[in-house]
Amino acid sequence: MRPIRPRGAIGFVMNKLELKGNWNEVKGKLKQKYSQLTDDDLTFAEGKDDELFGRLQKKLGKTKEDLRAEIEKL
């Protein structure tokens, strides 16, 4: 059974990004924090979260785990 998360939260299930809520809101917060990120960097397609994390890792120099934790906090 999956844990219940508040609406708009981002959770991770089996190392996959499970987005619940508005990705545009999360994307905006990331762009505010990291001005070097572009819309292309933050393009999210369902089932392609590894590609998203790869782009963010390359651009920000952070680990996948650090990025997951940071996005989860938003």
C-alpha atoms as a PDB file:
ATOM      1  CA  MET A   1       0.000   0.000   0.000  1.00  0.00           C
ATOM      2  CA  ARG A   2       1.316   3.449  -0.925  1.00  0.00           C
ATOM      3  CA  PRO A   3       1.503   6.160   1.708  1.00  0.00           C
ATOM      4  CA  ILE A   4      -1.023   8.940   1.361  1.00  0.00           C
ATOM      5  CA  ARG A   5       0.608  12.233   0.483  1.00  0.00           C
ATOM      6  CA  PRO A   6      -0.901  15.696   0.615  1.00  0.00           C
ATOM      7  CA  ARG A   7      -2.283  17.065  -2.632  1.00  0.00           C
ATOM      8  CA  GLY A   8       0.412  18.761  -4.666  1.00  0.00           C
ATOM      9  CA  ALA A   9       3.202  16.689  -3.121  1.00  0.00           C
ATOM     10  CA  ILE A  10       5.784  14.776  -5.076  1.00  0.00           C
ATOM     11  CA  GLY A  11       6.525  11.234  -4.013  1.00  0.00           C
ATOM     12  CA  PHE A  12       8.929   8.590  -5.175  1.00  0.00           C
ATOM     13  CA  VAL A  13       7.837   5.036  -5.724  1.00  0.00           C
ATOM     14  CA  MET A  14      10.359   2.372  -6.719  1.00  0.00           C
ATOM     15  CA  ASN A  15      12.910   5.041  -7.738  1.00  0.00           C
ATOM     16  CA  LYS A  16      10.518   6.608 -10.234  1.00  0.00           C
ATOM     17  CA  LEU A  17       9.255  10.148 -10.027  1.00  0.00           C
ATOM     18  CA  GLU A  18       5.560  10.127  -9.279  1.00  0.00           C
ATOM     19  CA  LEU A  19       4.195  13.588  -9.766  1.00  0.00           C
ATOM     20  CA  LYS A  20       1.022  14.486  -7.944  1.00  0.00           C
ATOM     21  CA  GLY A  21      -0.002  18.040  -8.585  1.00  0.00           C
ATOM     22  CA  ASN A  22       1.207  20.717 -10.893  1.00  0.00           C
ATOM     23  CA  TRP A  23       4.606  20.143 -12.504  1.00  0.00           C
ATOM     24  CA  ASN A  24       4.571  23.749 -13.744  1.00  0.00           C
ATOM     25  CA  GLU A  25       4.548  24.931 -10.131  1.00  0.00           C
ATOM     26  CA  VAL A  26       7.509  22.719  -9.232  1.00  0.00           C
ATOM     27  CA  LYS A  27       9.298  23.776 -12.410  1.00  0.00           C
ATOM     28  CA  GLY A  28       8.817  27.449 -11.508  1.00  0.00           C
ATOM     29  CA  LYS A  29      10.271  26.929  -8.045  1.00  0.00           C
ATOM     30  CA  LEU A  30      13.313  25.165  -9.500  1.00  0.00           C
ATOM     31  CA  LYS A  31      13.827  27.982 -12.014  1.00  0.00           C
ATOM     32  CA  GLN A  32      13.652  30.547  -9.199  1.00  0.00           C
ATOM     33  CA  LYS A  33      16.261  28.674  -7.198  1.00  0.00           C
ATOM     34  CA  TYR A  34      18.494  27.843 -10.172  1.00  0.00           C
ATOM     35  CA  SER A  35      18.352  30.655 -12.705  1.00  0.00           C
ATOM     36  CA  GLN A  36      20.540  28.707 -15.141  1.00  0.00           C
ATOM     37  CA  LEU A  37      17.770  26.134 -15.746  1.00  0.00           C
ATOM     38  CA  THR A  38      15.693  26.481 -18.891  1.00  0.00           C
ATOM     39  CA  ASP A  39      12.272  25.112 -19.844  1.00  0.00           C
ATOM     40  CA  ASP A  40      14.074  22.496 -21.953  1.00  0.00           C
ATOM     41  CA  ASP A  41      16.096  21.387 -18.917  1.00  0.00           C
ATOM     42  CA  LEU A  42      12.861  20.925 -16.970  1.00  0.00           C
ATOM     43  CA  THR A  43      10.821  19.150 -19.620  1.00  0.00           C
ATOM     44  CA  PHE A  44       9.139  16.206 -17.899  1.00  0.00           C
ATOM     45  CA  ALA A  45       7.562  13.339 -19.801  1.00  0.00           C
ATOM     46  CA  GLU A  46       5.832  10.585 -17.864  1.00  0.00           C
ATOM     47  CA  GLY A  47       8.089   7.556 -17.548  1.00  0.00           C
ATOM     48  CA  LYS A  48      11.180   9.544 -18.582  1.00  0.00           C
ATOM     49  CA  ASP A  49      12.259  10.817 -15.198  1.00  0.00           C
ATOM     50  CA  ASP A  50      15.772   9.400 -15.672  1.00  0.00           C
ATOM     51  CA  GLU A  51      16.249  11.769 -18.619  1.00  0.00           C
ATOM     52  CA  LEU A  52      15.057  14.702 -16.504  1.00  0.00           C
ATOM     53  CA  PHE A  53      17.426  13.820 -13.663  1.00  0.00           C
ATOM     54  CA  GLY A  54      20.287  13.340 -16.135  1.00  0.00           C
ATOM     55  CA  ARG A  55      19.793  16.864 -17.502  1.00  0.00           C
ATOM     56  CA  LEU A  56      19.548  18.329 -13.997  1.00  0.00           C
ATOM     57  CA  GLN A  57      22.622  16.429 -12.782  1.00  0.00           C
ATOM     58  CA  LYS A  58      24.655  17.708 -15.723  1.00  0.00           C
ATOM     59  CA  LYS A  59      23.483  21.305 -15.302  1.00  0.00           C
ATOM     60  CA  LEU A  60      23.607  21.530 -11.494  1.00  0.00           C
ATOM     61  CA  GLY A  61      26.364  19.053 -10.603  1.00  0.00           C
ATOM     62  CA  LYS A  62      24.234  17.321  -7.967  1.00  0.00           C
ATOM     63  CA  THR A  63      23.594  13.643  -7.389  1.00  0.00           C
ATOM     64  CA  LYS A  64      20.324  12.029  -8.372  1.00  0.00           C
ATOM     65  CA  GLU A  65      19.536  11.412  -4.710  1.00  0.00           C
ATOM     66  CA  ASP A  66      20.167  15.066  -3.806  1.00  0.00           C
ATOM     67  CA  LEU A  67      17.912  16.196  -6.640  1.00  0.00           C
ATOM     68  CA  ARG A  68      15.141  13.793  -5.631  1.00  0.00           C
ATOM     69  CA  ALA A  69      15.278  15.038  -2.036  1.00  0.00           C
ATOM     70  CA  GLU A  70      15.219  18.662  -3.151  1.00  0.00           C
ATOM     71  CA  ILE A  71      12.248  18.182  -5.481  1.00  0.00           C
ATOM     72  CA  GLU A  72      10.413  16.240  -2.804  1.00  0.00           C
ATOM     73  CA  LYS A  73      10.751  19.229  -0.442  1.00  0.00           C
ATOM     74  CA  LEU A  74       9.105  21.569  -2.943  1.00  0.00           C
END
